[in-house]
Amino acid sequence: MSGVDATTMRWRVCGRVQGVFFRAWTREQALRLALDGSATNLDDGSVEVVACGAPQALAQLEAALRQGPPRARVDALERLAPPASVAQGFAIG
């Protein structure tokens, strides 16, 4: 989502978030909320999520990330500095 009202957020999600369909679930949530961005596994076992869109949609995504999908266990959700730009769509890496 590009536009004047778009905001970008970036999070690191820690816990049991790899191997439990966390990234695919995150993509589903983001697309439902009309957000662009990505969800990427990190070497330390966490997942980085970047999303761009309407502030209220980002707040809804953040709330969802705190819970995660049924097989995940979210121990911590950390806000990070957002990147300078985000590509359209929602990628899984």
N, C-alpha and C. Protein backbone atom coordinates (compact mmCIF):
# COMPACT_ATOMS: atom_id res chain seq x y z
N MET A 1 0.86 -1.18 0.00
CA MET A 1 0.00 0.00 0.00
C MET A 1 0.89 1.23 0.00
N SER A 2 0.78 2.00 -1.00
CA SER A 2 1.53 3.25 -1.01
C SER A 2 0.54 4.39 -0.85
N GLY A 3 1.01 5.49 -0.42
CA GLY A 3 0.12 6.62 -0.26
C GLY A 3 0.54 7.48 0.91
N VAL A 4 -0.08 8.63 1.00
CA VAL A 4 0.27 9.61 2.01
C VAL A 4 0.00 9.08 3.42
N ASP A 5 -1.07 8.32 3.59
CA ASP A 5 -1.46 7.85 4.92
C ASP A 5 -0.78 6.55 5.33
N ALA A 6 0.08 6.00 4.50
CA ALA A 6 0.73 4.72 4.79
C ALA A 6 1.83 4.91 5.83
N THR A 7 1.91 3.95 6.72
CA THR A 7 2.93 3.92 7.76
C THR A 7 3.65 2.58 7.64
N THR A 8 4.92 2.54 8.01
CA THR A 8 5.68 1.28 7.98
C THR A 8 6.09 0.91 9.39
N MET A 9 5.91 -0.36 9.72
CA MET A 9 6.32 -0.90 11.02
C MET A 9 7.18 -2.14 10.78
N ARG A 10 8.03 -2.43 11.76
CA ARG A 10 8.91 -3.61 11.69
C ARG A 10 8.97 -4.23 13.09
N TRP A 11 8.81 -5.56 13.15
CA TRP A 11 8.83 -6.28 14.42
C TRP A 11 9.74 -7.49 14.34
N ARG A 12 10.23 -7.91 15.49
CA ARG A 12 10.91 -9.21 15.63
C ARG A 12 10.07 -10.01 16.60
N VAL A 13 9.64 -11.19 16.15
CA VAL A 13 8.78 -12.06 16.94
C VAL A 13 9.62 -13.23 17.43
N CYS A 14 9.67 -13.41 18.75
CA CYS A 14 10.48 -14.46 19.36
C CYS A 14 9.59 -15.51 20.01
N GLY A 15 10.08 -16.72 20.05
CA GLY A 15 9.35 -17.84 20.64
C GLY A 15 9.42 -19.03 19.69
N ARG A 16 8.39 -19.86 19.73
CA ARG A 16 8.32 -20.97 18.77
C ARG A 16 7.56 -20.44 17.55
N VAL A 17 8.31 -19.81 16.64
CA VAL A 17 7.71 -19.13 15.49
C VAL A 17 8.28 -19.61 14.15
N GLN A 18 9.16 -20.57 14.18
CA GLN A 18 9.65 -21.16 12.94
C GLN A 18 9.20 -22.61 12.89
N GLY A 19 8.80 -23.05 11.69
CA GLY A 19 8.34 -24.42 11.53
C GLY A 19 6.91 -24.64 11.99
N VAL A 20 6.16 -23.57 12.22
CA VAL A 20 4.77 -23.68 12.68
C VAL A 20 3.84 -22.85 11.79
N PHE A 21 4.25 -22.59 10.55
CA PHE A 21 3.47 -21.83 9.57
C PHE A 21 3.24 -20.38 9.98
N PHE A 22 4.14 -19.84 10.81
CA PHE A 22 3.99 -18.47 11.28
C PHE A 22 4.06 -17.47 10.13
N ARG A 23 5.01 -17.64 9.22
CA ARG A 23 5.15 -16.67 8.12
C ARG A 23 3.95 -16.71 7.19
N ALA A 24 3.47 -17.91 6.84
CA ALA A 24 2.30 -18.02 5.96
C ALA A 24 1.07 -17.43 6.63
N TRP A 25 0.90 -17.69 7.92
CA TRP A 25 -0.20 -17.13 8.68
C TRP A 25 -0.11 -15.60 8.73
N THR A 26 1.10 -15.08 8.92
CA THR A 26 1.31 -13.64 8.94
C THR A 26 0.94 -13.02 7.60
N ARG A 27 1.33 -13.69 6.52
CA ARG A 27 0.98 -13.20 5.18
C ARG A 27 -0.53 -13.14 5.02
N GLU A 28 -1.25 -14.17 5.45
CA GLU A 28 -2.71 -14.17 5.37
C GLU A 28 -3.31 -13.00 6.14
N GLN A 29 -2.79 -12.77 7.35
CA GLN A 29 -3.29 -11.65 8.16
C GLN A 29 -3.03 -10.32 7.46
N ALA A 30 -1.83 -10.15 6.93
CA ALA A 30 -1.45 -8.90 6.28
C ALA A 30 -2.28 -8.64 5.03
N LEU A 31 -2.47 -9.67 4.22
CA LEU A 31 -3.27 -9.48 3.00
C LEU A 31 -4.72 -9.17 3.34
N ARG A 32 -5.27 -9.79 4.37
CA ARG A 32 -6.63 -9.51 4.83
C ARG A 32 -6.76 -8.04 5.25
N LEU A 33 -5.67 -7.49 5.80
CA LEU A 33 -5.65 -6.10 6.27
C LEU A 33 -5.15 -5.11 5.21
N ALA A 34 -4.91 -5.60 3.99
CA ALA A 34 -4.43 -4.77 2.87
C ALA A 34 -3.08 -4.13 3.17
N LEU A 35 -2.17 -4.91 3.75
CA LEU A 35 -0.83 -4.44 4.07
C LEU A 35 0.18 -5.03 3.09
N ASP A 36 1.20 -4.27 2.77
CA ASP A 36 2.36 -4.75 2.02
C ASP A 36 3.46 -5.08 3.01
N GLY A 37 4.45 -5.89 2.61
CA GLY A 37 5.57 -6.16 3.48
C GLY A 37 6.16 -7.54 3.31
N SER A 38 6.68 -8.08 4.42
CA SER A 38 7.33 -9.39 4.37
C SER A 38 7.41 -10.00 5.76
N ALA A 39 7.59 -11.33 5.76
CA ALA A 39 7.86 -12.07 7.00
C ALA A 39 9.03 -12.99 6.68
N THR A 40 10.11 -12.88 7.45
CA THR A 40 11.36 -13.58 7.15
C THR A 40 11.90 -14.28 8.39
N ASN A 41 12.27 -15.57 8.24
CA ASN A 41 12.95 -16.29 9.31
C ASN A 41 14.34 -15.69 9.52
N LEU A 42 14.72 -15.51 10.77
CA LEU A 42 16.06 -15.03 11.10
C LEU A 42 16.87 -16.20 11.67
N ASP A 43 18.19 -16.08 11.60
CA ASP A 43 19.08 -17.15 12.04
C ASP A 43 18.94 -17.49 13.52
N ASP A 44 18.49 -16.56 14.33
CA ASP A 44 18.37 -16.81 15.77
C ASP A 44 17.07 -17.51 16.16
N GLY A 45 16.25 -17.90 15.16
CA GLY A 45 15.00 -18.59 15.43
C GLY A 45 13.79 -17.69 15.51
N SER A 46 14.00 -16.39 15.41
CA SER A 46 12.88 -15.44 15.44
C SER A 46 12.40 -15.17 14.01
N VAL A 47 11.34 -14.40 13.89
CA VAL A 47 10.80 -13.99 12.59
C VAL A 47 10.73 -12.47 12.56
N GLU A 48 11.21 -11.89 11.48
CA GLU A 48 11.10 -10.45 11.27
C GLU A 48 9.89 -10.18 10.38
N VAL A 49 9.04 -9.26 10.81
CA VAL A 49 7.87 -8.88 10.03
C VAL A 49 7.96 -7.39 9.75
N VAL A 50 7.81 -7.04 8.48
CA VAL A 50 7.76 -5.65 8.04
C VAL A 50 6.42 -5.46 7.36
N ALA A 51 5.71 -4.40 7.69
CA ALA A 51 4.42 -4.15 7.06
C ALA A 51 4.21 -2.66 6.86
N CYS A 52 3.51 -2.33 5.77
CA CYS A 52 3.24 -0.95 5.41
C CYS A 52 1.76 -0.83 5.06
N GLY A 53 1.11 0.17 5.63
CA GLY A 53 -0.30 0.39 5.33
C GLY A 53 -0.92 1.36 6.30
N ALA A 54 -2.22 1.26 6.41
CA ALA A 54 -2.97 2.15 7.29
C ALA A 54 -2.61 1.87 8.75
N PRO A 55 -2.46 2.92 9.56
CA PRO A 55 -2.08 2.73 10.97
C PRO A 55 -2.99 1.78 11.74
N GLN A 56 -4.30 1.85 11.51
CA GLN A 56 -5.21 0.96 12.24
C GLN A 56 -5.02 -0.49 11.81
N ALA A 57 -4.70 -0.74 10.55
CA ALA A 57 -4.43 -2.10 10.08
C ALA A 57 -3.13 -2.61 10.69
N LEU A 58 -2.14 -1.74 10.82
CA LEU A 58 -0.88 -2.14 11.45
C LEU A 58 -1.09 -2.49 12.92
N ALA A 59 -1.94 -1.75 13.59
CA ALA A 59 -2.26 -2.05 14.99
C ALA A 59 -2.94 -3.41 15.11
N GLN A 60 -3.82 -3.73 14.16
CA GLN A 60 -4.48 -5.03 14.16
C GLN A 60 -3.48 -6.15 13.90
N LEU A 61 -2.54 -5.92 12.97
CA LEU A 61 -1.51 -6.93 12.71
C LEU A 61 -0.65 -7.13 13.94
N GLU A 62 -0.26 -6.05 14.61
CA GLU A 62 0.57 -6.18 15.80
C GLU A 62 -0.15 -7.01 16.87
N ALA A 63 -1.43 -6.76 17.06
CA ALA A 63 -2.20 -7.54 18.03
C ALA A 63 -2.23 -9.02 17.64
N ALA A 64 -2.38 -9.29 16.35
CA ALA A 64 -2.39 -10.67 15.88
C ALA A 64 -1.03 -11.33 16.07
N LEU A 65 0.05 -10.58 15.81
CA LEU A 65 1.40 -11.13 15.98
C LEU A 65 1.67 -11.50 17.44
N ARG A 66 1.10 -10.79 18.37
CA ARG A 66 1.28 -11.12 19.79
C ARG A 66 0.69 -12.49 20.13
N GLN A 67 -0.33 -12.91 19.38
CA GLN A 67 -0.98 -14.21 19.60
C GLN A 67 -0.37 -15.30 18.72
N GLY A 68 -0.19 -15.02 17.44
CA GLY A 68 0.34 -15.99 16.50
C GLY A 68 -0.69 -17.05 16.15
N PRO A 69 -0.33 -17.93 15.22
CA PRO A 69 -1.22 -19.03 14.83
C PRO A 69 -1.27 -20.10 15.93
N PRO A 70 -2.20 -21.05 15.82
CA PRO A 70 -2.39 -22.05 16.89
C PRO A 70 -1.15 -22.83 17.31
N ARG A 71 -0.28 -23.20 16.38
CA ARG A 71 0.88 -24.03 16.74
C ARG A 71 2.08 -23.22 17.23
N ALA A 72 2.00 -21.90 17.15
CA ALA A 72 3.11 -21.04 17.57
C ALA A 72 3.00 -20.69 19.05
N ARG A 73 4.13 -20.22 19.58
CA ARG A 73 4.16 -19.66 20.93
C ARG A 73 4.97 -18.37 20.85
N VAL A 74 4.32 -17.25 21.06
CA VAL A 74 5.01 -15.96 20.99
C VAL A 74 5.44 -15.59 22.39
N ASP A 75 6.76 -15.51 22.59
CA ASP A 75 7.32 -15.12 23.89
C ASP A 75 7.57 -13.63 23.98
N ALA A 76 7.89 -13.01 22.85
CA ALA A 76 8.18 -11.56 22.85
C ALA A 76 7.93 -11.00 21.45
N LEU A 77 7.47 -9.77 21.42
CA LEU A 77 7.28 -9.02 20.18
C LEU A 77 7.99 -7.69 20.37
N GLU A 78 9.02 -7.47 19.58
CA GLU A 78 9.85 -6.28 19.71
C GLU A 78 9.66 -5.38 18.50
N ARG A 79 9.40 -4.11 18.72
CA ARG A 79 9.34 -3.14 17.63
C ARG A 79 10.76 -2.71 17.27
N LEU A 80 11.03 -2.68 15.97
CA LEU A 80 12.34 -2.27 15.47
C LEU A 80 12.16 -1.05 14.56
N ALA A 81 13.25 -0.39 14.26
CA ALA A 81 13.20 0.74 13.32
C ALA A 81 12.77 0.22 11.95
N PRO A 82 11.81 0.89 11.31
CA PRO A 82 11.34 0.41 10.01
C PRO A 82 12.35 0.67 8.90
N PRO A 83 12.28 -0.11 7.83
CA PRO A 83 13.16 0.12 6.68
C PRO A 83 12.72 1.37 5.93
N ALA A 84 13.57 1.83 5.04
CA ALA A 84 13.27 3.04 4.27
C ALA A 84 12.13 2.83 3.28
N SER A 85 12.00 1.62 2.74
CA SER A 85 10.94 1.36 1.77
C SER A 85 10.48 -0.10 1.86
N VAL A 86 9.29 -0.34 1.35
CA VAL A 86 8.69 -1.68 1.35
C VAL A 86 8.12 -1.93 -0.04
N ALA A 87 8.38 -3.11 -0.61
CA ALA A 87 7.83 -3.46 -1.91
C ALA A 87 6.35 -3.76 -1.79
N GLN A 88 5.62 -3.66 -2.89
CA GLN A 88 4.20 -3.98 -2.88
C GLN A 88 4.01 -5.48 -2.73
N GLY A 89 2.85 -5.87 -2.20
CA GLY A 89 2.54 -7.27 -1.95
C GLY A 89 3.07 -7.67 -0.59
N PHE A 90 3.02 -8.97 -0.31
CA PHE A 90 3.54 -9.46 0.97
C PHE A 90 4.34 -10.73 0.70
N ALA A 91 5.65 -10.65 0.93
CA ALA A 91 6.58 -11.74 0.62
C ALA A 91 6.91 -12.55 1.87
N ILE A 92 7.21 -13.81 1.64
CA ILE A 92 7.69 -14.69 2.70
C ILE A 92 9.12 -15.06 2.33
N GLY A 93 10.04 -14.86 3.28
CA GLY A 93 11.44 -15.15 2.99
C GLY A 93 12.04 -16.06 4.01
